[in-house]
Amino acid sequence: LREHDEASPNLPGVSAVIKRPRAATVRFLNADGHIEDRDLVGLWATSMQHQIDHLNGRMYFDNLSKMKRDMLLRRARKLK
């Protein structure tokens, strides 16, 4: 696993350290409609997992414990 600070423009001013797998393999359709597989490592893997979470209706803070998520959301509300 790799720990990395993640944030989102949906919650400006707050971030959290999230643990995600250090590497990931993704399969997608390229611009020509052909299937491609890509092995990603480090920040590329983290970023892809973060974006796939969005496609699945999840935010980075959904990976936190309830206590840490609640603290982060309280901080975000105070910054509004």
Protein backbone atom coordinates (compact mmCIF):
# COMPACT_ATOMS: atom_id res chain seq x y z
CA LEU A 1 0.00 0.00 0.00
CA ARG A 2 1.00 3.60 -0.57
CA GLU A 3 -0.07 6.56 1.56
CA HIS A 4 -0.73 9.78 -0.29
CA ASP A 5 -2.40 13.07 0.56
CA GLU A 6 -5.61 13.38 -1.50
CA ALA A 7 -8.00 16.27 -2.00
CA SER A 8 -10.80 17.37 -4.29
CA PRO A 9 -12.12 20.70 -5.59
CA ASN A 10 -15.50 19.52 -4.26
CA LEU A 11 -14.16 20.10 -0.72
CA PRO A 12 -11.68 22.98 -1.02
CA GLY A 13 -9.17 23.53 1.76
CA VAL A 14 -9.15 20.02 3.22
CA SER A 15 -7.25 16.85 2.40
CA ALA A 16 -6.53 13.48 3.96
CA VAL A 17 -3.88 10.79 3.80
CA ILE A 18 -5.39 7.81 1.99
CA LYS A 19 -3.92 4.31 1.69
CA ARG A 20 -4.27 2.76 -1.75
CA PRO A 21 -2.49 -0.03 -3.60
CA ARG A 22 0.89 1.15 -4.93
CA ALA A 23 0.18 -0.31 -8.39
CA ALA A 24 -2.92 -0.97 -10.48
CA THR A 25 -3.78 -2.39 -13.87
CA VAL A 26 -6.59 -0.70 -15.75
CA ARG A 27 -8.49 -1.76 -18.85
CA PHE A 28 -10.20 0.87 -20.97
CA LEU A 29 -11.36 1.73 -24.47
CA ASN A 30 -8.94 4.05 -26.25
CA ALA A 31 -9.97 6.86 -28.62
CA ASP A 32 -10.20 4.33 -31.48
CA GLY A 33 -12.54 2.07 -29.50
CA HIS A 34 -9.91 -0.62 -28.92
CA ILE A 35 -9.37 -2.24 -25.52
CA GLU A 36 -6.09 -1.31 -23.82
CA ASP A 37 -4.52 -2.53 -20.59
CA ARG A 38 -2.15 -0.26 -18.72
CA ASP A 39 -0.03 -0.99 -15.64
CA LEU A 40 0.26 2.07 -13.41
CA VAL A 41 2.57 2.63 -10.44
CA GLY A 42 2.92 5.34 -7.78
CA LEU A 43 1.12 8.63 -8.32
CA TRP A 44 -0.39 7.45 -11.64
CA ALA A 45 -1.95 4.45 -9.87
CA THR A 46 -3.21 6.63 -7.02
CA SER A 47 -4.71 9.17 -9.41
CA MET A 48 -6.45 6.50 -11.51
CA GLN A 49 -7.95 4.86 -8.41
CA HIS A 50 -9.12 8.29 -7.18
CA GLN A 51 -10.84 8.97 -10.53
CA ILE A 52 -12.40 5.49 -10.71
CA ASP A 53 -13.81 6.12 -7.22
CA HIS A 54 -15.52 9.24 -8.63
CA LEU A 55 -17.01 7.20 -11.49
CA ASN A 56 -18.40 4.82 -8.86
CA GLY A 57 -19.94 7.69 -6.87
CA ARG A 58 -17.30 7.69 -4.13
CA MET A 59 -15.15 10.48 -2.74
CA TYR A 60 -11.63 10.04 -1.36
CA PHE A 61 -12.88 10.55 2.20
CA ASP A 62 -15.16 7.50 1.85
CA ASN A 63 -11.94 5.51 2.38
CA LEU A 64 -11.50 6.99 5.88
CA SER A 65 -12.82 5.68 9.17
CA LYS A 66 -16.11 7.25 10.28
CA MET A 67 -14.32 9.32 12.91
CA LYS A 68 -11.71 10.71 10.48
CA ARG A 69 -14.34 11.33 7.79
CA ASP A 70 -16.56 13.23 10.24
CA MET A 71 -13.59 15.36 11.38
CA LEU A 72 -12.68 16.19 7.77
CA LEU A 73 -16.27 17.13 6.87
CA ARG A 74 -16.52 19.35 9.99
CA ARG A 75 -13.30 21.15 8.96
CA ALA A 76 -14.69 21.62 5.43
CA ARG A 77 -17.93 23.12 6.78
CA LYS A 78 -15.96 25.57 8.96
CA LEU A 79 -14.05 26.78 5.89
CA LYS A 80 -17.24 27.69 3.99
